[in-house]
Amino acid sequence: MESTAASVDAAAESSANSYAILAKLATGGMAELFLARTASSAGVERYVVLKRVLPHRAHDHHFVSMFLDEARLAAQLQHPNIAQVFDTGKLGDSYFFSMEYVHGETVRELAHRAHELGEAIPLGCVLTIAASAAAGLHHAHERLGLDGTPLGIVHRDVSPSNLMVSFEGNVKLVDFGVAKTTDSTVETQTGTVKGKISYLSPEQCRGRVADRRSDLFSLGIVIWELLVGDRLYKRDSDFEAMESIVHQPPVPPSKLRPEIPPELDAIVLKLLAKAPGDRYQTADELYDELERLADRHAIRMSTAALKRFMVELFGKRPEPWIELTTRNTAAEVITVSAAIVGRDSASTVLDSQLMKLFDLTTTRTPQRAVTAIADEPEAIQPPRRRRRAPWILLAIALLASGGVLAYSQLAHDEPSAIALPVMPPPPAPTAAPAPGPVEHAPAPHVEPAPVAGDPVAVQRPAPASRARRPTVEDLGAMLRAGKVDEVAAACRGSTRVLAQNAATCTLAACQLHDAATARSWLARTSAGKRATLTGQCASAGTVLELAAPAQAPSSKPCDDPMECRK
């Protein structure tokens, strides 16, 4: 045990750089991420991410050896589609390595955000992500060691959480924490499963040796899910997920998204072949096939297009160091050296200082997914956006103006103003618009649909009963929480529904098996989304007839993997 500890310390002594730690970015079950700044002797500054073992795991020599193996392995990979590792060292009692900061979001967050907005990810963006991931994987698979022999790298954890898309449209493969090489210092026991269950290959599920073709199967799952907008092998238990991976054939993506060309179906199904020999044998073969497909169908694979799509989904985001400056936070900046520090009170002081850092995961902005935490990437959830205060001030001003107008109309004995027995204050009539700036002020409420034959039904409701129009986030969150009836009620009560809301309303009506209402909402969505929504409704058991027929629900729901997931 002492020799192991000595070798671990020796592996971490390579660094003498110093870092100014600015803020915390994320925390998982095994490691935590910090935003840091380092400067060269020439005064050139660079922002990096420090990935540090949690203090309570710092004395687990087996885990620390794996952690340093990840750093040593990733440091040998230099490719535009792989996040680079720069440095290793030890802070107090705990080990760390520094890596490239990627200003963007994981593919997992990208897919979730697109689902919330009812947006299908454009085929060009899917192909760009797939081709970039394939290029990064091929570099890792082919990498040679210093002696010229192949390293034999297999990532073993290719998943949406470990693929990042920057706000410039670049794709980065991250987290080689469970990667396998021919010369790993820590051996994996036979039968041990490494990676996320829903993205394992059949050979990983069986506990067999995994080679580069296993990574291609996992990438095939990612591509399928990006195309369809749903999970492929997500089940109620890990055993059921692994059973479906080993035995259940995947549904062709075009069955759920009709605009997908048959050639892309063929590529995805070849990646998802159960036998490794039936798949692409190298990631480079996959890259070439994706390029040929894009040329034949005039699908543009472009980082610029992917950048625009990221802005559409997430808006423009400042880098976190700029955000810290604009917030004028008084958080401490901790300057540390990567040199080995003895196990004394200094490490305890360092840990307490790190706990006081400004935590960027608690800000209003959704999570910046700088890199994935190897052990628990799905445990970090983006905080919800808070509503902005100007709407409150507008509502107060509108209520006050409405009350003055109602009193004025009552003083002139307007019969339409008192035609209905309502609670005070009485509603303002629509015959005389409000004077002054009120007629131009946007009304932050939902107008009721007029009732035919009722002369006073077109009146606005009393100001006290006004409710704001539901947003995309509201309806999406309600639908994910299973509040289908509430979503349907909100949809019925609104006559001014955004296109994204219309997509959510369509899905809610489909889950309630109300085909007529679903078709009505579907007509309000953009033409590009209708095929995807039709396929999702078919998966929920509601068939909407369009020019391209949707998939009919199976008579045995659990015979179809899409039905089983519902």
Protein backbone atom coordinates (compact mmCIF):
# COMPACT_ATOMS: atom_id res chain seq x y z
CA MET A 1 0.00 0.00 0.00
CA GLU A 2 2.86 2.39 0.82
CA SER A 3 4.49 1.72 -2.56
CA THR A 4 1.18 2.51 -4.28
CA ALA A 5 0.89 5.80 -2.40
CA ALA A 6 4.47 6.68 -3.28
CA SER A 7 3.85 6.02 -6.98
CA VAL A 8 0.70 8.13 -6.88
CA ASP A 9 2.57 11.04 -5.28
CA ALA A 10 5.34 10.71 -7.83
CA ALA A 11 2.80 10.87 -10.65
CA ALA A 12 1.43 14.12 -9.30
CA GLU A 13 4.76 15.89 -8.73
CA SER A 14 5.12 16.94 -12.33
CA SER A 15 3.61 20.39 -11.83
CA ALA A 16 4.86 23.54 -10.21
CA ASN A 17 2.32 25.92 -11.75
CA SER A 18 0.19 28.18 -9.59
CA TYR A 19 -3.53 28.80 -10.02
CA ALA A 20 -5.92 31.49 -8.87
CA ILE A 21 -9.13 29.58 -8.14
CA LEU A 22 -12.08 31.89 -8.91
CA ALA A 23 -15.31 29.93 -8.43
CA LYS A 24 -16.88 26.51 -8.16
CA LEU A 25 -18.44 25.10 -11.33
CA ALA A 26 -19.86 21.70 -10.34
CA THR A 27 -19.70 18.94 -7.74
CA GLY A 28 -20.23 15.21 -8.18
CA GLY A 29 -19.91 12.17 -5.96
CA MET A 30 -16.20 11.69 -6.67
CA ALA A 31 -14.79 15.01 -7.91
CA GLU A 32 -15.48 18.72 -8.05
CA LEU A 33 -14.75 21.32 -10.71
CA PHE A 34 -13.36 24.82 -10.18
CA LEU A 35 -12.78 27.72 -12.54
CA ALA A 36 -9.16 28.84 -12.26
CA ARG A 37 -6.73 31.24 -13.89
CA THR A 38 -3.06 30.62 -14.52
CA ALA A 39 -0.39 32.84 -16.06
CA SER A 40 2.83 32.00 -17.88
CA SER A 41 6.18 33.58 -17.10
CA ALA A 42 5.54 35.97 -20.01
CA GLY A 43 2.31 37.13 -18.36
CA VAL A 44 -0.09 35.29 -20.71
CA GLU A 45 -3.24 34.37 -18.78
CA ARG A 46 -5.37 31.31 -19.42
CA TYR A 47 -8.61 30.17 -17.83
CA VAL A 48 -8.81 26.47 -17.08
CA VAL A 49 -10.89 23.96 -15.16
CA LEU A 50 -9.42 22.24 -12.11
CA LYS A 51 -10.89 18.79 -11.59
CA ARG A 52 -10.14 17.81 -7.99
CA VAL A 53 -10.79 14.60 -6.10
CA LEU A 54 -13.18 15.17 -3.21
CA PRO A 55 -11.29 15.19 0.10
CA HIS A 56 -13.05 12.10 1.48
CA ARG A 57 -11.85 10.09 -1.57
CA ALA A 58 -8.30 11.44 -1.53
CA HIS A 59 -6.93 8.48 0.48
CA ASP A 60 -8.55 5.83 -1.73
CA HIS A 61 -5.41 4.81 -3.61
CA HIS A 62 -7.31 2.72 -6.15
CA PHE A 63 -9.56 5.62 -7.08
CA VAL A 64 -6.71 8.14 -7.10
CA SER A 65 -4.73 5.86 -9.41
CA MET A 66 -7.69 5.78 -11.81
CA PHE A 67 -8.01 9.55 -11.55
CA LEU A 68 -4.35 10.12 -12.42
CA ASP A 69 -4.59 7.52 -15.18
CA GLU A 70 -7.34 9.65 -16.72
CA ALA A 71 -5.13 12.74 -16.54
CA ARG A 72 -2.08 10.93 -17.94
CA LEU A 73 -4.13 9.42 -20.77
CA ALA A 74 -6.01 12.58 -21.76
CA ALA A 75 -2.79 14.62 -21.70
CA GLN A 76 -1.48 12.46 -24.58
CA LEU A 77 -4.49 13.30 -26.77
CA GLN A 78 -4.25 16.47 -28.82
CA HIS A 79 -7.20 16.87 -31.17
CA PRO A 80 -9.68 19.70 -31.85
CA ASN A 81 -12.56 17.42 -30.82
CA ILE A 82 -11.06 16.33 -27.48
CA ALA A 83 -10.84 18.58 -24.40
CA GLN A 84 -7.15 18.91 -23.61
CA VAL A 85 -5.56 18.17 -20.22
CA PHE A 86 -2.61 20.38 -19.25
CA ASP A 87 -1.34 19.67 -15.79
CA THR A 88 -1.53 17.41 -12.74
CA GLY A 89 -0.76 18.10 -9.10
CA LYS A 90 -1.92 17.97 -5.52
CA LEU A 91 -3.82 20.59 -3.52
CA GLY A 92 -3.60 19.87 0.17
CA ASP A 93 -4.42 16.19 0.59
CA SER A 94 -6.35 15.99 -2.67
CA TYR A 95 -5.20 15.43 -6.24
CA PHE A 96 -6.26 17.45 -9.26
CA PHE A 97 -5.62 17.97 -12.93
CA SER A 98 -6.21 21.08 -15.02
CA MET A 99 -7.99 20.93 -18.34
CA GLU A 100 -9.28 23.08 -21.15
CA TYR A 101 -12.33 25.19 -20.31
CA VAL A 102 -15.11 24.63 -22.87
CA HIS A 103 -17.66 27.43 -22.85
CA GLY A 104 -20.81 25.62 -23.85
CA GLU A 105 -23.25 22.89 -22.88
CA THR A 106 -23.25 19.10 -22.96
CA VAL A 107 -25.17 17.34 -25.69
CA ARG A 108 -27.45 16.10 -22.92
CA GLU A 109 -28.40 19.69 -22.01
CA LEU A 110 -28.76 20.56 -25.69
CA ALA A 111 -31.22 17.69 -26.21
CA HIS A 112 -33.20 18.58 -23.06
CA ARG A 113 -33.46 22.24 -24.06
CA ALA A 114 -34.60 21.38 -27.59
CA HIS A 115 -37.27 19.08 -26.11
CA GLU A 116 -38.47 21.84 -23.76
CA LEU A 117 -38.88 24.21 -26.70
CA GLY A 118 -40.53 21.59 -28.90
CA GLU A 119 -37.69 21.89 -31.41
CA ALA A 120 -36.37 19.01 -33.49
CA ILE A 121 -32.58 19.20 -33.75
CA PRO A 122 -31.73 19.98 -37.40
CA LEU A 123 -30.22 17.07 -39.32
CA GLY A 124 -27.17 19.17 -40.18
CA CYS A 125 -26.49 19.82 -36.48
CA VAL A 126 -26.89 16.12 -35.63
CA LEU A 127 -24.46 15.13 -38.37
CA THR A 128 -21.97 17.80 -37.26
CA ILE A 129 -22.03 16.48 -33.69
CA ALA A 130 -21.76 12.86 -34.88
CA ALA A 131 -18.90 13.52 -37.31
CA SER A 132 -16.96 15.59 -34.75
CA ALA A 133 -17.35 12.89 -32.10
CA ALA A 134 -16.23 10.24 -34.60
CA ALA A 135 -13.14 12.30 -35.46
CA GLY A 136 -12.20 12.67 -31.79
CA LEU A 137 -12.76 8.96 -31.12
CA HIS A 138 -10.66 7.94 -34.12
CA HIS A 139 -7.76 10.05 -32.82
CA ALA A 140 -8.00 8.38 -29.39
CA HIS A 141 -8.33 4.89 -30.88
CA GLU A 142 -5.29 5.36 -33.14
CA ARG A 143 -3.05 7.18 -30.66
CA LEU A 144 0.49 5.84 -30.27
CA GLY A 145 2.60 5.95 -27.12
CA LEU A 146 6.01 7.56 -26.78
CA ASP A 147 7.64 4.29 -27.87
CA GLY A 148 5.52 4.15 -31.04
CA THR A 149 3.26 1.31 -29.92
CA PRO A 150 -0.55 1.71 -29.99
CA LEU A 151 -2.07 2.79 -26.69
CA GLY A 152 -5.24 0.80 -27.42
CA ILE A 153 -7.56 3.45 -25.95
CA VAL A 154 -11.26 2.65 -25.61
CA HIS A 155 -13.35 5.45 -24.06
CA ARG A 156 -16.10 3.09 -22.73
CA ASP A 157 -18.35 6.00 -21.67
CA VAL A 158 -19.48 7.74 -24.88
CA SER A 159 -22.74 9.44 -23.88
CA PRO A 160 -24.51 12.82 -24.22
CA SER A 161 -23.03 13.91 -20.87
CA ASN A 162 -19.50 13.40 -22.18
CA LEU A 163 -19.92 15.30 -25.44
CA MET A 164 -19.82 19.07 -25.26
CA VAL A 165 -20.87 21.72 -27.78
CA SER A 166 -19.31 25.13 -27.33
CA PHE A 167 -21.18 28.34 -28.10
CA GLU A 168 -18.87 28.65 -31.11
CA GLY A 169 -20.24 25.37 -32.53
CA ASN A 170 -17.23 23.18 -31.71
CA VAL A 171 -17.74 19.65 -30.37
CA LYS A 172 -15.46 18.21 -27.67
CA LEU A 173 -15.21 14.68 -26.28
CA VAL A 174 -14.50 14.77 -22.53
CA ASP A 175 -14.02 12.50 -19.54
CA PHE A 176 -11.70 9.56 -20.10
CA GLY A 177 -12.20 8.52 -16.49
CA VAL A 178 -13.22 4.93 -17.30
CA ALA A 179 -11.20 4.60 -20.51
CA LYS A 180 -9.20 1.43 -21.05
CA THR A 181 -5.68 1.23 -22.46
CA THR A 182 -3.26 -1.60 -23.02
CA ASP A 183 -0.97 -0.27 -20.26
CA SER A 184 -3.43 0.98 -17.62
CA THR A 185 -1.99 0.92 -14.10
CA VAL A 186 -5.41 -0.09 -12.73
CA GLU A 187 -6.91 -3.24 -14.17
CA THR A 188 -10.67 -3.66 -14.57
CA GLN A 189 -11.99 -6.85 -13.01
CA THR A 190 -13.65 -9.32 -15.36
CA GLY A 191 -17.41 -8.78 -15.45
CA THR A 192 -17.21 -5.21 -14.13
CA VAL A 193 -19.43 -2.74 -15.99
CA LYS A 194 -17.92 0.64 -16.82
CA GLY A 195 -20.01 3.49 -18.24
CA LYS A 196 -23.63 4.62 -18.10
CA ILE A 197 -26.08 1.76 -18.36
CA SER A 198 -28.30 3.25 -21.09
CA TYR A 199 -25.28 3.76 -23.39
CA LEU A 200 -23.43 0.46 -22.95
CA SER A 201 -22.65 -1.84 -25.85
CA PRO A 202 -23.91 -5.46 -25.87
CA GLU A 203 -20.39 -6.73 -25.13
CA GLN A 204 -20.13 -4.39 -22.13
CA CYS A 205 -23.49 -5.66 -20.84
CA ARG A 206 -22.18 -9.23 -21.10
CA GLY A 207 -18.97 -8.34 -19.28
CA ARG A 208 -16.81 -9.12 -22.30
CA VAL A 209 -13.76 -7.28 -23.63
CA ALA A 210 -14.70 -3.99 -25.27
CA ASP A 211 -12.74 -2.57 -28.19
CA ARG A 212 -13.13 0.56 -30.33
CA ARG A 213 -16.31 -0.85 -31.90
CA SER A 214 -17.97 -0.65 -28.48
CA ASP A 215 -17.50 3.14 -28.52
CA LEU A 216 -19.15 3.24 -31.97
CA PHE A 217 -22.22 1.39 -30.65
CA SER A 218 -22.53 3.95 -27.83
CA LEU A 219 -22.16 6.78 -30.34
CA GLY A 220 -24.93 5.18 -32.39
CA ILE A 221 -27.27 5.44 -29.38
CA VAL A 222 -26.41 9.14 -29.02
CA ILE A 223 -27.09 9.80 -32.73
CA TRP A 224 -30.42 7.89 -32.60
CA GLU A 225 -31.59 9.95 -29.60
CA LEU A 226 -30.57 13.27 -31.18
CA LEU A 227 -32.48 12.40 -34.35
CA VAL A 228 -35.63 11.17 -32.61
CA GLY A 229 -35.67 13.36 -29.50
CA ASP A 230 -36.29 10.45 -27.16
CA ARG A 231 -34.36 7.83 -25.19
CA LEU A 232 -33.54 4.53 -26.88
CA TYR A 233 -32.62 2.12 -24.08
CA LYS A 234 -33.97 3.90 -21.00
CA ARG A 235 -35.94 1.38 -18.93
CA ASP A 236 -37.37 1.06 -15.42
CA SER A 237 -34.36 -0.91 -14.18
CA ASP A 238 -30.73 -1.43 -15.15
CA PHE A 239 -31.39 -5.10 -15.87
CA GLU A 240 -34.21 -4.29 -18.29
CA ALA A 241 -32.02 -1.68 -20.01
CA MET A 242 -29.18 -4.16 -20.49
CA GLU A 243 -31.61 -6.85 -21.69
CA SER A 244 -32.98 -4.50 -24.35
CA ILE A 245 -29.47 -3.49 -25.45
CA VAL A 246 -28.46 -7.13 -25.91
CA HIS A 247 -31.64 -8.53 -27.47
CA GLN A 248 -34.00 -5.81 -28.73
CA PRO A 249 -33.53 -4.41 -32.24
CA PRO A 250 -33.77 -0.60 -32.45
CA VAL A 251 -36.60 1.17 -34.24
CA PRO A 252 -35.34 2.92 -37.42
CA PRO A 253 -35.25 6.68 -36.69
CA SER A 254 -37.31 7.48 -39.81
CA LYS A 255 -40.28 5.66 -38.28
CA LEU A 256 -40.46 8.45 -35.71
CA ARG A 257 -39.13 11.32 -37.85
CA PRO A 258 -40.18 10.79 -41.48
CA GLU A 259 -37.85 13.38 -43.02
CA ILE A 260 -34.79 11.29 -42.09
CA PRO A 261 -33.33 9.82 -45.32
CA PRO A 262 -33.10 6.00 -45.59
CA GLU A 263 -29.30 6.19 -45.89
CA LEU A 264 -29.09 7.79 -42.43
CA ASP A 265 -31.32 5.02 -41.10
CA ALA A 266 -28.85 2.51 -42.50
CA ILE A 267 -25.87 4.26 -40.86
CA VAL A 268 -27.51 4.36 -37.43
CA LEU A 269 -28.72 0.75 -37.60
CA LYS A 270 -25.25 -0.41 -38.65
CA LEU A 271 -23.76 1.37 -35.64
CA LEU A 272 -26.36 -0.35 -33.42
CA ALA A 273 -25.69 -3.86 -34.72
CA LYS A 274 -25.52 -6.36 -31.84
CA ALA A 275 -22.41 -8.11 -33.19
CA PRO A 276 -19.24 -5.96 -33.30
CA GLY A 277 -18.30 -7.45 -36.66
CA ASP A 278 -21.49 -6.04 -38.23
CA ARG A 279 -20.70 -2.45 -37.24
CA TYR A 280 -18.28 0.06 -38.71
CA GLN A 281 -14.83 -1.17 -37.77
CA THR A 282 -13.29 2.28 -37.24
CA ALA A 283 -14.63 5.72 -36.38
CA ASP A 284 -12.93 7.00 -39.53
CA GLU A 285 -15.22 4.79 -41.65
CA LEU A 286 -18.21 6.35 -39.93
CA TYR A 287 -16.88 9.87 -40.52
CA ASP A 288 -16.45 9.21 -44.25
CA GLU A 289 -19.96 7.72 -44.50
CA LEU A 290 -21.50 10.74 -42.79
CA GLU A 291 -19.71 13.10 -45.17
CA ARG A 292 -20.94 11.16 -48.22
CA LEU A 293 -24.49 11.19 -46.87
CA ALA A 294 -24.36 14.96 -46.31
CA ASP A 295 -23.10 15.51 -49.88
CA ARG A 296 -25.77 13.30 -51.46
CA HIS A 297 -28.66 14.97 -49.62
CA ALA A 298 -27.27 18.53 -49.52
CA ILE A 299 -27.25 18.50 -45.71
CA ARG A 300 -24.86 21.14 -44.47
CA MET A 301 -22.45 19.98 -41.76
CA SER A 302 -21.26 23.29 -40.32
CA THR A 303 -19.98 24.54 -36.98
CA ALA A 304 -21.48 27.94 -37.90
CA ALA A 305 -24.96 26.39 -38.19
CA LEU A 306 -24.44 24.53 -34.92
CA LYS A 307 -23.36 27.82 -33.30
CA ARG A 308 -26.58 29.52 -34.47
CA PHE A 309 -28.67 26.64 -33.13
CA MET A 310 -26.92 26.90 -29.73
CA VAL A 311 -27.77 30.61 -29.59
CA GLU A 312 -31.39 29.82 -30.48
CA LEU A 313 -31.59 27.33 -27.62
CA PHE A 314 -29.59 29.06 -24.88
CA GLY A 315 -29.14 32.67 -25.97
CA LYS A 316 -25.82 34.46 -25.78
CA ARG A 317 -23.85 33.56 -22.66
CA PRO A 318 -20.87 35.47 -21.28
CA GLU A 319 -17.88 33.49 -20.07
CA PRO A 320 -18.07 32.89 -16.31
CA TRP A 321 -15.07 35.11 -15.54
CA ILE A 322 -16.85 37.98 -17.28
CA GLU A 323 -20.00 37.17 -15.33
CA LEU A 324 -18.05 37.25 -12.07
CA THR A 325 -16.68 40.68 -13.00
CA THR A 326 -20.10 42.11 -13.91
CA ARG A 327 -21.65 40.76 -10.73
CA ASN A 328 -19.02 42.56 -8.63
CA THR A 329 -18.93 39.58 -6.30
CA ALA A 330 -16.88 39.77 -3.15
CA ALA A 331 -15.96 36.09 -3.34
CA GLU A 332 -12.41 35.24 -2.38
CA VAL A 333 -9.79 34.29 -4.96
CA ILE A 334 -7.54 31.50 -3.69
CA THR A 335 -4.03 31.30 -5.11
CA VAL A 336 -2.50 27.85 -4.78
CA SER A 337 0.57 26.05 -6.04
CA ALA A 338 0.41 22.58 -7.47
CA ALA A 339 3.49 21.49 -5.53
CA ILE A 340 3.04 18.66 -3.06
CA VAL A 341 1.77 19.83 0.33
CA GLY A 342 2.22 17.76 3.47
CA ARG A 343 -0.74 16.30 5.31
CA ASP A 344 -1.11 18.90 8.01
CA SER A 345 -3.47 21.69 9.02
CA ALA A 346 -2.73 23.56 5.77
CA SER A 347 -4.94 21.16 3.79
CA THR A 348 -7.84 21.70 6.21
CA VAL A 349 -7.50 25.47 5.83
CA LEU A 350 -7.46 25.09 2.02
CA ASP A 351 -10.64 22.99 2.05
CA SER A 352 -12.45 25.59 4.18
CA GLN A 353 -11.33 28.36 1.80
CA LEU A 354 -12.61 26.45 -1.23
CA MET A 355 -16.01 26.11 0.42
CA LYS A 356 -16.30 29.91 0.54
CA LEU A 357 -15.80 30.38 -3.20
CA PHE A 358 -18.56 31.89 -5.30
CA ASP A 359 -20.69 28.98 -6.55
CA LEU A 360 -21.70 29.50 -10.19
CA THR A 361 -24.13 26.58 -10.01
CA THR A 362 -26.45 28.68 -7.81
CA THR A 363 -26.78 31.63 -10.21
CA ARG A 364 -29.81 32.39 -12.34
CA THR A 365 -28.07 31.35 -15.54
CA PRO A 366 -28.54 27.70 -16.51
CA GLN A 367 -25.62 25.45 -15.73
CA ARG A 368 -22.39 25.93 -17.65
CA ALA A 369 -21.45 22.36 -18.51
CA VAL A 370 -17.69 22.89 -18.67
CA THR A 371 -16.81 19.22 -18.41
CA ALA A 372 -18.68 16.17 -17.25
CA ILE A 373 -18.09 14.68 -13.81
CA ALA A 374 -17.03 11.10 -14.46
CA ASP A 375 -19.03 9.44 -11.74
CA GLU A 376 -22.26 11.48 -11.51
CA PRO A 377 -22.77 13.68 -14.58
CA GLU A 378 -26.55 13.55 -14.29
CA ALA A 379 -26.62 14.71 -10.67
CA ILE A 380 -26.00 18.35 -11.59
CA GLN A 381 -29.23 20.03 -12.61
CA PRO A 382 -29.47 23.53 -14.11
CA PRO A 383 -31.21 26.01 -11.83
CA ARG A 384 -34.54 27.36 -13.04
CA ARG A 385 -34.74 30.89 -14.42
CA ARG A 386 -36.46 33.45 -12.22
CA ARG A 387 -39.09 35.71 -13.67
CA ARG A 388 -38.18 39.31 -14.31
CA ALA A 389 -39.62 42.09 -12.17
CA PRO A 390 -40.76 44.56 -14.91
CA TRP A 391 -43.89 42.50 -15.57
CA ILE A 392 -44.96 43.02 -11.96
CA LEU A 393 -44.71 46.79 -12.33
CA LEU A 394 -46.65 46.67 -15.61
CA ALA A 395 -49.38 44.59 -14.02
CA ILE A 396 -49.73 47.04 -11.09
CA ALA A 397 -49.94 50.00 -13.48
CA LEU A 398 -52.51 48.23 -15.62
CA LEU A 399 -54.67 47.32 -12.62
CA ALA A 400 -54.62 50.91 -11.39
CA SER A 401 -55.53 52.30 -14.81
CA GLY A 402 -58.29 49.71 -15.18
CA GLY A 403 -59.79 50.73 -11.84
CA VAL A 404 -59.81 54.45 -12.79
CA LEU A 405 -61.38 53.67 -16.15
CA ALA A 406 -64.09 51.47 -14.61
CA TYR A 407 -65.00 54.19 -12.10
CA SER A 408 -65.19 56.75 -14.91
CA GLN A 409 -67.53 54.55 -16.96
CA LEU A 410 -69.80 53.88 -13.97
CA ALA A 411 -70.06 57.62 -13.36
CA HIS A 412 -71.42 58.02 -16.90
CA ASP A 413 -73.98 55.20 -16.41
CA GLU A 414 -72.54 52.89 -19.05
CA PRO A 415 -74.91 49.89 -19.01
CA SER A 416 -72.35 47.47 -20.43
CA ALA A 417 -70.07 48.21 -17.48
CA ILE A 418 -72.57 46.82 -14.95
CA ALA A 419 -74.33 44.22 -17.08
CA LEU A 420 -72.70 41.31 -15.21
CA PRO A 421 -72.73 40.74 -11.43
CA VAL A 422 -69.00 40.59 -10.76
CA MET A 423 -66.90 41.13 -7.67
CA PRO A 424 -65.54 44.72 -7.29
CA PRO A 425 -63.69 46.44 -8.81
CA PRO A 426 -65.96 46.29 -11.89
CA PRO A 427 -64.35 45.33 -15.22
CA ALA A 428 -63.43 47.96 -17.78
CA PRO A 429 -65.60 47.99 -20.93
CA THR A 430 -63.98 47.44 -24.29
CA ALA A 431 -66.11 50.16 -25.99
CA ALA A 432 -63.81 52.98 -24.80
CA PRO A 433 -60.08 52.19 -24.86
CA ALA A 434 -57.96 53.40 -21.97
CA PRO A 435 -56.51 56.88 -22.58
CA GLY A 436 -52.84 57.78 -22.55
CA PRO A 437 -50.03 55.22 -22.47
CA VAL A 438 -52.30 52.40 -21.31
CA GLU A 439 -53.51 51.66 -24.84
CA HIS A 440 -49.94 50.90 -25.89
CA ALA A 441 -48.92 48.92 -22.81
CA PRO A 442 -48.61 45.13 -23.34
CA ALA A 443 -51.12 43.22 -21.24
CA PRO A 444 -49.35 40.41 -19.30
CA HIS A 445 -52.44 38.25 -19.05
CA VAL A 446 -54.42 35.65 -20.98
CA GLU A 447 -57.53 36.92 -22.78
CA PRO A 448 -60.53 34.56 -22.65
CA ALA A 449 -62.03 33.35 -25.90
CA PRO A 450 -65.28 35.20 -26.82
CA VAL A 451 -68.56 33.35 -26.43
CA ALA A 452 -70.92 33.59 -29.38
CA GLY A 453 -74.20 35.38 -28.66
CA ASP A 454 -73.08 36.95 -25.41
CA PRO A 455 -72.86 40.77 -25.80
CA VAL A 456 -70.71 41.18 -22.73
CA ALA A 457 -68.54 38.11 -23.19
CA VAL A 458 -65.90 40.15 -24.98
CA GLN A 459 -65.25 42.19 -21.88
CA ARG A 460 -61.93 41.80 -20.16
CA PRO A 461 -62.09 39.95 -16.83
CA ALA A 462 -61.72 41.84 -13.59
CA PRO A 463 -58.12 42.98 -13.07
CA ALA A 464 -57.83 40.93 -9.89
CA SER A 465 -58.45 37.70 -11.83
CA ARG A 466 -55.94 38.31 -14.61
CA ALA A 467 -53.29 35.63 -15.05
CA ARG A 468 -50.13 35.83 -17.09
CA ARG A 469 -49.78 33.84 -20.29
CA PRO A 470 -48.07 30.45 -19.71
CA THR A 471 -44.53 30.31 -21.03
CA VAL A 472 -42.66 27.53 -22.80
CA GLU A 473 -40.85 26.68 -19.58
CA ASP A 474 -44.13 26.58 -17.60
CA LEU A 475 -45.92 24.18 -19.92
CA GLY A 476 -42.83 22.06 -20.53
CA ALA A 477 -42.17 21.66 -16.80
CA MET A 478 -45.83 20.78 -16.14
CA LEU A 479 -45.81 18.19 -18.93
CA ARG A 480 -42.60 16.57 -17.67
CA ALA A 481 -44.09 16.45 -14.18
CA GLY A 482 -47.03 14.44 -15.53
CA LYS A 483 -49.57 17.25 -15.06
CA VAL A 484 -51.16 16.58 -18.44
CA ASP A 485 -54.64 17.73 -17.41
CA GLU A 486 -53.28 21.06 -16.14
CA VAL A 487 -51.34 21.60 -19.37
CA ALA A 488 -54.48 20.89 -21.39
CA ALA A 489 -56.47 23.34 -19.24
CA ALA A 490 -53.81 26.03 -19.71
CA CYS A 491 -53.86 25.44 -23.46
CA ARG A 492 -57.65 25.75 -23.61
CA GLY A 493 -57.56 29.02 -21.63
CA SER A 494 -55.16 30.77 -24.01
CA THR A 495 -55.89 32.24 -27.42
CA ARG A 496 -52.41 33.66 -27.91
CA VAL A 497 -50.10 30.67 -27.88
CA LEU A 498 -46.54 30.71 -29.15
CA ALA A 499 -45.46 28.09 -31.67
CA GLN A 500 -43.39 26.32 -29.01
CA ASN A 501 -46.38 26.23 -26.66
CA ALA A 502 -48.52 24.82 -29.45
CA ALA A 503 -46.13 21.88 -29.74
CA THR A 504 -46.41 21.20 -26.01
CA CYS A 505 -50.21 21.51 -26.19
CA THR A 506 -50.22 19.01 -29.05
CA LEU A 507 -48.27 16.48 -26.98
CA ALA A 508 -50.57 17.01 -23.97
CA ALA A 509 -53.67 16.38 -26.10
CA CYS A 510 -52.03 13.27 -27.55
CA GLN A 511 -51.31 11.91 -24.07
CA LEU A 512 -54.99 12.46 -23.26
CA HIS A 513 -55.86 10.66 -26.54
CA ASP A 514 -57.83 13.71 -27.73
CA ALA A 515 -57.01 13.45 -31.42
CA ALA A 516 -59.30 16.30 -32.53
CA THR A 517 -57.73 18.82 -30.14
CA ALA A 518 -54.25 17.53 -30.93
CA ARG A 519 -54.84 18.11 -34.66
CA SER A 520 -56.06 21.64 -33.92
CA TRP A 521 -52.89 22.48 -31.99
CA LEU A 522 -50.71 20.70 -34.53
CA ALA A 523 -52.02 23.04 -37.24
CA ARG A 524 -50.55 26.00 -35.30
CA THR A 525 -47.02 24.57 -35.25
CA SER A 526 -44.44 25.09 -37.98
CA ALA A 527 -44.45 22.63 -40.85
CA GLY A 528 -40.98 21.39 -39.95
CA LYS A 529 -42.13 20.19 -36.52
CA ARG A 530 -45.33 18.43 -37.51
CA ALA A 531 -43.76 15.18 -38.63
CA THR A 532 -41.80 14.87 -35.37
CA LEU A 533 -44.87 15.68 -33.27
CA THR A 534 -46.92 13.19 -35.26
CA GLY A 535 -44.38 10.47 -34.50
CA GLN A 536 -44.32 11.34 -30.80
CA CYS A 537 -48.11 11.26 -30.69
CA ALA A 538 -48.11 7.87 -32.38
CA SER A 539 -45.73 6.63 -29.69
CA ALA A 540 -48.21 7.87 -27.08
CA GLY A 541 -51.03 5.95 -28.79
CA THR A 542 -52.73 8.83 -30.63
CA VAL A 543 -52.60 8.75 -34.43
CA LEU A 544 -52.76 12.09 -36.25
CA GLU A 545 -53.35 11.79 -39.96
CA LEU A 546 -50.96 13.87 -42.05
CA ALA A 547 -49.55 13.61 -45.55
CA ALA A 548 -46.87 11.30 -44.17
CA PRO A 549 -48.62 8.60 -42.11
CA ALA A 550 -47.52 8.38 -38.52
CA GLN A 551 -46.57 5.10 -36.93
CA ALA A 552 -49.65 3.31 -35.62
CA PRO A 553 -49.59 2.20 -31.98
CA SER A 554 -48.86 -1.45 -31.41
CA SER A 555 -51.56 -3.70 -30.03
CA LYS A 556 -48.97 -4.95 -27.55
CA PRO A 557 -47.44 -1.82 -26.04
CA CYS A 558 -44.28 -3.46 -24.69
CA ASP A 559 -43.37 -5.14 -27.98
CA ASP A 560 -42.16 -1.80 -29.27
CA PRO A 561 -39.20 -0.22 -27.39
CA MET A 562 -40.67 3.26 -27.91
CA GLU A 563 -43.94 2.13 -26.28
CA CYS A 564 -42.08 0.50 -23.38
CA ARG A 565 -40.35 3.78 -22.55
CA LYS A 566 -43.67 5.51 -22.17
